[in-house]
Amino acid sequence: MCVGEEFKGRKYVSMLRNEENHPFKEDMISFGRWVFEKRTETGMTLDELAEKTGICKFYLARLEKGE
């Protein structure tokens, strides 16, 4: 099981999405955008990034979206 696997197939709502005043919301959104930009600049797919990091592509996709 890789990081994020526990969420696979479950419907859940991100805490960051629901809390407008969450202290790290903007940082997490910025980090997700950065991950997306670096991944796409290198031509890497979510599957490849998941394999290299041990983080499930489901979780990575949500991270990139700032969720």
C-alpha atoms as a PDB file:
ATOM      1  CA  MET A   1       0.000   0.000   0.000  1.00  0.00           C
ATOM      2  CA  CYS A   2       1.362   3.405  -0.907  1.00  0.00           C
ATOM      3  CA  VAL A   3       0.741   6.784   0.658  1.00  0.00           C
ATOM      4  CA  GLY A   4      -2.809   7.910  -0.076  1.00  0.00           C
ATOM      5  CA  GLU A   5      -4.060   4.371  -0.744  1.00  0.00           C
ATOM      6  CA  GLU A   6      -6.397   4.539   2.249  1.00  0.00           C
ATOM      7  CA  PHE A   7      -8.464   7.166   0.400  1.00  0.00           C
ATOM      8  CA  LYS A   8      -8.767   5.246  -2.852  1.00  0.00           C
ATOM      9  CA  GLY A   9     -12.379   4.522  -3.700  1.00  0.00           C
ATOM     10  CA  ARG A  10     -13.710   6.544  -0.788  1.00  0.00           C
ATOM     11  CA  LYS A  11     -15.576   9.753  -1.096  1.00  0.00           C
ATOM     12  CA  TYR A  12     -14.239  12.340   1.297  1.00  0.00           C
ATOM     13  CA  VAL A  13     -14.052  16.086   1.483  1.00  0.00           C
ATOM     14  CA  SER A  14     -10.730  17.774   1.970  1.00  0.00           C
ATOM     15  CA  MET A  15     -10.336  19.802   5.137  1.00  0.00           C
ATOM     16  CA  LEU A  16      -8.516  22.462   3.156  1.00  0.00           C
ATOM     17  CA  ARG A  17     -11.413  22.857   0.748  1.00  0.00           C
ATOM     18  CA  ASN A  18     -13.931  23.408   3.539  1.00  0.00           C
ATOM     19  CA  GLU A  19     -12.004  25.821   5.689  1.00  0.00           C
ATOM     20  CA  GLU A  20     -11.529  29.170   4.003  1.00  0.00           C
ATOM     21  CA  ASN A  21      -9.274  30.398   6.796  1.00  0.00           C
ATOM     22  CA  HIS A  22      -7.097  27.297   7.092  1.00  0.00           C
ATOM     23  CA  PRO A  23      -3.594  28.666   7.826  1.00  0.00           C
ATOM     24  CA  PHE A  24      -1.858  26.483   5.212  1.00  0.00           C
ATOM     25  CA  LYS A  25      -4.463  26.473   2.450  1.00  0.00           C
ATOM     26  CA  GLU A  26      -2.618  28.842   0.106  1.00  0.00           C
ATOM     27  CA  ASP A  27       0.704  27.077   0.748  1.00  0.00           C
ATOM     28  CA  MET A  28      -0.811  23.689  -0.123  1.00  0.00           C
ATOM     29  CA  ILE A  29      -2.444  25.048  -3.266  1.00  0.00           C
ATOM     30  CA  SER A  30       0.868  26.634  -4.312  1.00  0.00           C
ATOM     31  CA  PHE A  31       2.754  23.413  -3.595  1.00  0.00           C
ATOM     32  CA  GLY A  32       0.273  21.402  -5.640  1.00  0.00           C
ATOM     33  CA  ARG A  33       0.659  23.771  -8.569  1.00  0.00           C
ATOM     34  CA  TRP A  34       4.430  23.530  -8.281  1.00  0.00           C
ATOM     35  CA  VAL A  35       4.297  19.711  -8.309  1.00  0.00           C
ATOM     36  CA  PHE A  36       2.046  19.808 -11.386  1.00  0.00           C
ATOM     37  CA  GLU A  37       4.312  22.276 -13.210  1.00  0.00           C
ATOM     38  CA  LYS A  38       7.489  20.306 -12.490  1.00  0.00           C
ATOM     39  CA  ARG A  39       5.852  17.006 -13.418  1.00  0.00           C
ATOM     40  CA  THR A  40       4.505  18.317 -16.721  1.00  0.00           C
ATOM     41  CA  GLU A  41       7.728  20.214 -17.557  1.00  0.00           C
ATOM     42  CA  THR A  42       9.609  16.935 -17.374  1.00  0.00           C
ATOM     43  CA  GLY A  43       6.925  15.056 -19.305  1.00  0.00           C
ATOM     44  CA  MET A  44       6.277  12.738 -16.380  1.00  0.00           C
ATOM     45  CA  THR A  45       2.880  11.090 -15.973  1.00  0.00           C
ATOM     46  CA  LEU A  46       1.055  10.713 -12.671  1.00  0.00           C
ATOM     47  CA  ASP A  47       1.755   6.977 -12.860  1.00  0.00           C
ATOM     48  CA  GLU A  48       5.495   7.613 -13.194  1.00  0.00           C
ATOM     49  CA  LEU A  49       5.544  10.114 -10.341  1.00  0.00           C
ATOM     50  CA  ALA A  50       3.543   7.743  -8.166  1.00  0.00           C
ATOM     51  CA  GLU A  51       6.005   4.941  -8.852  1.00  0.00           C
ATOM     52  CA  LYS A  52       9.042   7.129  -8.108  1.00  0.00           C
ATOM     53  CA  THR A  53       7.608   8.622  -4.906  1.00  0.00           C
ATOM     54  CA  GLY A  54       5.536   5.768  -3.500  1.00  0.00           C
ATOM     55  CA  ILE A  55       2.547   8.106  -3.361  1.00  0.00           C
ATOM     56  CA  CYS A  56      -0.628   6.900  -5.088  1.00  0.00           C
ATOM     57  CA  LYS A  57      -1.579   8.762  -8.246  1.00  0.00           C
ATOM     58  CA  PHE A  58      -5.052   9.378  -6.787  1.00  0.00           C
ATOM     59  CA  TYR A  59      -3.508  11.307  -3.905  1.00  0.00           C
ATOM     60  CA  LEU A  60      -1.041  13.118  -6.196  1.00  0.00           C
ATOM     61  CA  ALA A  61      -3.859  14.250  -8.479  1.00  0.00           C
ATOM     62  CA  ARG A  62      -5.737  15.721  -5.524  1.00  0.00           C
ATOM     63  CA  LEU A  63      -2.553  17.359  -4.274  1.00  0.00           C
ATOM     64  CA  GLU A  64      -1.983  18.979  -7.668  1.00  0.00           C
ATOM     65  CA  LYS A  65      -5.545  20.305  -7.598  1.00  0.00           C
ATOM     66  CA  GLY A  66      -5.032  21.784  -4.125  1.00  0.00           C
ATOM     67  CA  GLU A  67      -7.588  19.506  -2.506  1.00  0.00           C
END
